[in-house]
N, C-alpha and C. Protein backbone atom coordinates (compact mmCIF):
# COMPACT_ATOMS: atom_id res chain seq x y z
N UNK A 1 127.84 202.51 56.55
CA UNK A 1 126.32 203.22 55.97
C UNK A 1 126.57 204.35 56.46
N UNK A 2 126.03 205.24 55.23
CA UNK A 2 126.21 206.52 55.67
C UNK A 2 124.81 207.22 56.20
N UNK A 3 125.24 208.50 57.38
CA UNK A 3 124.17 208.67 58.26
C UNK A 3 123.22 209.93 57.17
N UNK A 4 122.23 209.62 57.32
CA UNK A 4 121.23 210.79 56.76
C UNK A 4 121.04 212.00 57.28
N UNK A 5 121.24 212.76 56.38
CA UNK A 5 120.95 214.48 57.19
C UNK A 5 119.95 214.80 57.21
N UNK A 6 119.37 214.95 58.27
CA UNK A 6 118.03 215.18 58.60
C UNK A 6 117.29 216.53 58.22
N UNK A 7 118.39 217.54 58.01
CA UNK A 7 117.88 219.17 57.24
C UNK A 7 117.58 219.00 56.07
N UNK A 8 118.37 217.78 55.24
CA UNK A 8 117.80 217.52 53.99
C UNK A 8 116.58 216.50 53.56
N UNK A 9 116.06 216.34 54.77
CA UNK A 9 114.85 215.03 54.17
C UNK A 9 113.70 215.77 54.17
N UNK A 10 113.08 215.14 53.19
CA UNK A 10 111.95 216.07 52.82
C UNK A 10 110.74 215.80 53.55
N UNK A 11 110.71 214.88 54.13
CA UNK A 11 109.89 214.62 55.33
C UNK A 11 109.46 215.34 56.42
N UNK A 12 111.04 216.07 56.51
CA UNK A 12 111.06 216.86 57.80
C UNK A 12 110.61 218.08 57.59
N UNK A 13 110.71 218.59 56.42
CA UNK A 13 110.30 219.69 55.71
C UNK A 13 108.52 219.73 55.67
N UNK A 14 108.15 218.72 55.09
CA UNK A 14 106.68 218.09 55.26
C UNK A 14 106.42 218.27 56.47
N UNK A 15 106.48 217.60 57.29
CA UNK A 15 106.34 218.26 58.79
C UNK A 15 106.11 219.38 59.37
N UNK A 16 106.93 220.09 59.04
CA UNK A 16 107.26 221.58 59.53
C UNK A 16 106.26 222.50 58.84
N UNK A 17 106.36 222.17 57.40
CA UNK A 17 104.84 222.65 56.56
C UNK A 17 103.41 222.21 57.26
N UNK A 18 103.52 221.55 57.68
CA UNK A 18 102.04 220.83 58.10
C UNK A 18 101.71 221.67 59.60
N UNK A 19 102.92 221.90 60.01
CA UNK A 19 103.01 222.05 61.60
C UNK A 19 102.59 223.41 61.57
N UNK A 20 103.37 224.41 60.79
CA UNK A 20 102.90 225.80 60.36
C UNK A 20 101.77 226.25 60.04
N UNK A 21 101.16 225.38 59.19
CA UNK A 21 99.67 225.25 58.48
C UNK A 21 98.94 225.53 59.81
N UNK A 22 99.10 224.18 60.64
CA UNK A 22 97.79 224.12 61.88
C UNK A 22 97.84 225.04 62.51
N UNK A 23 99.30 225.72 63.05
CA UNK A 23 99.08 226.66 63.91
C UNK A 23 98.54 227.56 63.02
N UNK A 24 98.35 227.96 62.19
CA UNK A 24 97.99 229.26 61.25
C UNK A 24 96.44 229.00 61.75
N UNK A 25 95.88 228.12 61.40
CA UNK A 25 94.75 228.03 61.57
C UNK A 25 93.98 228.00 62.85
N UNK A 26 94.98 227.17 64.25
CA UNK A 26 94.64 227.08 65.23
C UNK A 26 94.45 228.56 66.18
N UNK A 27 95.75 229.63 65.80
CA UNK A 27 95.89 230.93 66.30
C UNK A 27 95.11 231.70 65.79
N UNK A 28 94.03 231.54 64.68
CA UNK A 28 93.41 232.60 64.31
C UNK A 28 93.52 233.89 62.81
N UNK A 29 94.84 233.59 62.58
CA UNK A 29 95.85 234.56 62.30
C UNK A 29 95.17 234.60 60.77
N UNK A 30 94.63 233.64 60.35
CA UNK A 30 93.82 233.94 58.99
C UNK A 30 92.83 234.92 59.10
N UNK A 31 92.29 235.04 59.94
CA UNK A 31 91.14 236.25 60.20
C UNK A 31 91.52 237.72 60.07
N UNK A 32 93.44 237.07 61.18
CA UNK A 32 93.56 238.50 61.28
C UNK A 32 94.11 239.27 59.69
N UNK A 33 94.29 238.24 58.87
CA UNK A 33 95.36 238.73 57.78
C UNK A 33 93.75 239.05 56.60
N UNK A 34 92.67 238.95 57.26
CA UNK A 34 91.21 239.14 56.09
C UNK A 34 90.96 238.19 55.28
N UNK A 35 91.21 236.85 55.78
CA UNK A 35 90.98 235.58 54.57
C UNK A 35 89.75 234.98 55.70
N UNK A 36 88.95 234.68 54.90
CA UNK A 36 87.45 233.70 55.45
C UNK A 36 88.21 232.40 56.04
N UNK A 37 87.79 232.05 57.16
CA UNK A 37 88.22 231.21 57.95
C UNK A 37 87.43 229.98 58.04
N UNK A 38 86.55 229.72 56.93
CA UNK A 38 85.81 228.67 56.64
C UNK A 38 86.39 227.85 55.53
N UNK A 39 86.62 229.01 54.39
CA UNK A 39 87.05 228.61 53.19
C UNK A 39 88.54 227.84 53.27
N UNK A 40 89.08 228.74 53.98
CA UNK A 40 90.58 229.03 54.49
C UNK A 40 90.93 227.35 54.85
N UNK A 41 90.20 227.46 56.25
CA UNK A 41 90.53 226.13 57.03
C UNK A 41 89.94 224.97 56.26
N UNK A 42 89.32 224.90 55.09
CA UNK A 42 88.65 223.90 54.71
C UNK A 42 90.13 223.24 53.43
N UNK A 43 90.88 224.33 52.93
CA UNK A 43 92.07 224.29 52.50
C UNK A 43 92.88 224.16 52.79
N UNK A 44 93.49 224.74 54.27
CA UNK A 44 94.41 224.13 54.81
C UNK A 44 94.16 222.74 55.74
N UNK A 45 93.14 222.14 55.96
CA UNK A 45 92.54 220.47 55.70
C UNK A 45 93.19 219.79 54.89
N UNK A 46 92.63 220.26 53.85
CA UNK A 46 92.94 219.44 52.74
C UNK A 46 94.52 219.47 52.75
N UNK A 47 95.37 220.33 52.75
CA UNK A 47 96.88 220.45 52.38
C UNK A 47 97.47 219.93 53.31
N UNK A 48 97.03 219.87 54.61
CA UNK A 48 97.04 218.88 55.78
C UNK A 48 97.13 217.88 55.71
N UNK A 49 96.28 217.00 54.96
CA UNK A 49 95.55 216.12 54.28
C UNK A 49 96.71 215.29 53.76
N UNK A 50 96.96 215.92 52.73
CA UNK A 50 97.86 215.54 51.87
C UNK A 50 99.44 215.55 52.19
N UNK A 51 99.80 216.56 53.40
CA UNK A 51 101.45 216.22 54.05
C UNK A 51 100.98 215.01 54.86
N UNK A 52 100.20 214.72 55.73
CA UNK A 52 100.27 213.66 56.50
C UNK A 52 100.34 212.16 55.66
N UNK A 53 99.56 212.38 54.55
CA UNK A 53 99.82 210.94 53.60
C UNK A 53 101.25 210.73 52.77
N UNK A 54 101.89 212.27 52.28
CA UNK A 54 102.99 211.94 52.16
C UNK A 54 103.65 211.53 53.21
N UNK A 55 103.63 212.07 54.26
CA UNK A 55 104.71 211.90 55.39
C UNK A 55 104.93 210.24 55.98
N UNK A 56 103.04 209.86 55.71
CA UNK A 56 102.55 208.04 55.99
C UNK A 56 103.21 207.11 55.21
N UNK A 57 103.56 207.89 53.66
CA UNK A 57 103.85 206.81 52.76
C UNK A 57 105.66 207.11 52.34
N UNK A 58 106.08 207.78 53.75
CA UNK A 58 107.72 207.67 53.36
C UNK A 58 108.35 206.31 53.70
N UNK A 59 109.08 205.87 52.99
CA UNK A 59 110.05 204.57 53.31
C UNK A 59 111.30 204.98 53.84
N UNK A 60 111.15 204.32 55.17
CA UNK A 60 112.41 204.50 56.08
C UNK A 60 113.62 203.73 55.73
N UNK A 61 113.53 202.95 55.03
CA UNK A 61 114.43 202.01 54.68
C UNK A 61 115.44 202.74 53.45
N UNK A 62 114.55 203.32 53.04
CA UNK A 62 115.47 204.14 51.57
C UNK A 62 116.42 205.33 51.84
N UNK A 63 117.95 204.34 51.89
CA UNK A 63 119.19 205.64 52.35
C UNK A 63 119.00 207.06 51.51
N UNK A 64 118.05 207.33 50.86
CA UNK A 64 117.97 208.77 50.16
C UNK A 64 117.31 209.62 50.91
N UNK A 65 116.47 209.18 51.77
CA UNK A 65 115.20 209.92 52.56
C UNK A 65 114.00 209.44 52.30
N UNK A 66 113.53 209.64 50.61
CA UNK A 66 112.53 209.16 49.97
C UNK A 66 112.61 208.50 48.62
């Protein structure tokens, strides 16, 4: 059985993107760059929800990663 390269895993990159978006929202960086925190927060929450769903629907038994 061939070992999967973690850096090529789509799930890894989705989780990294979700974490970056969460940290951007948490630190208030959106306000500093002039974005409306309410609207941007709602958009980010929606994107994070999709990314979480994508991660949950991952099939770990698939040797290709997804």
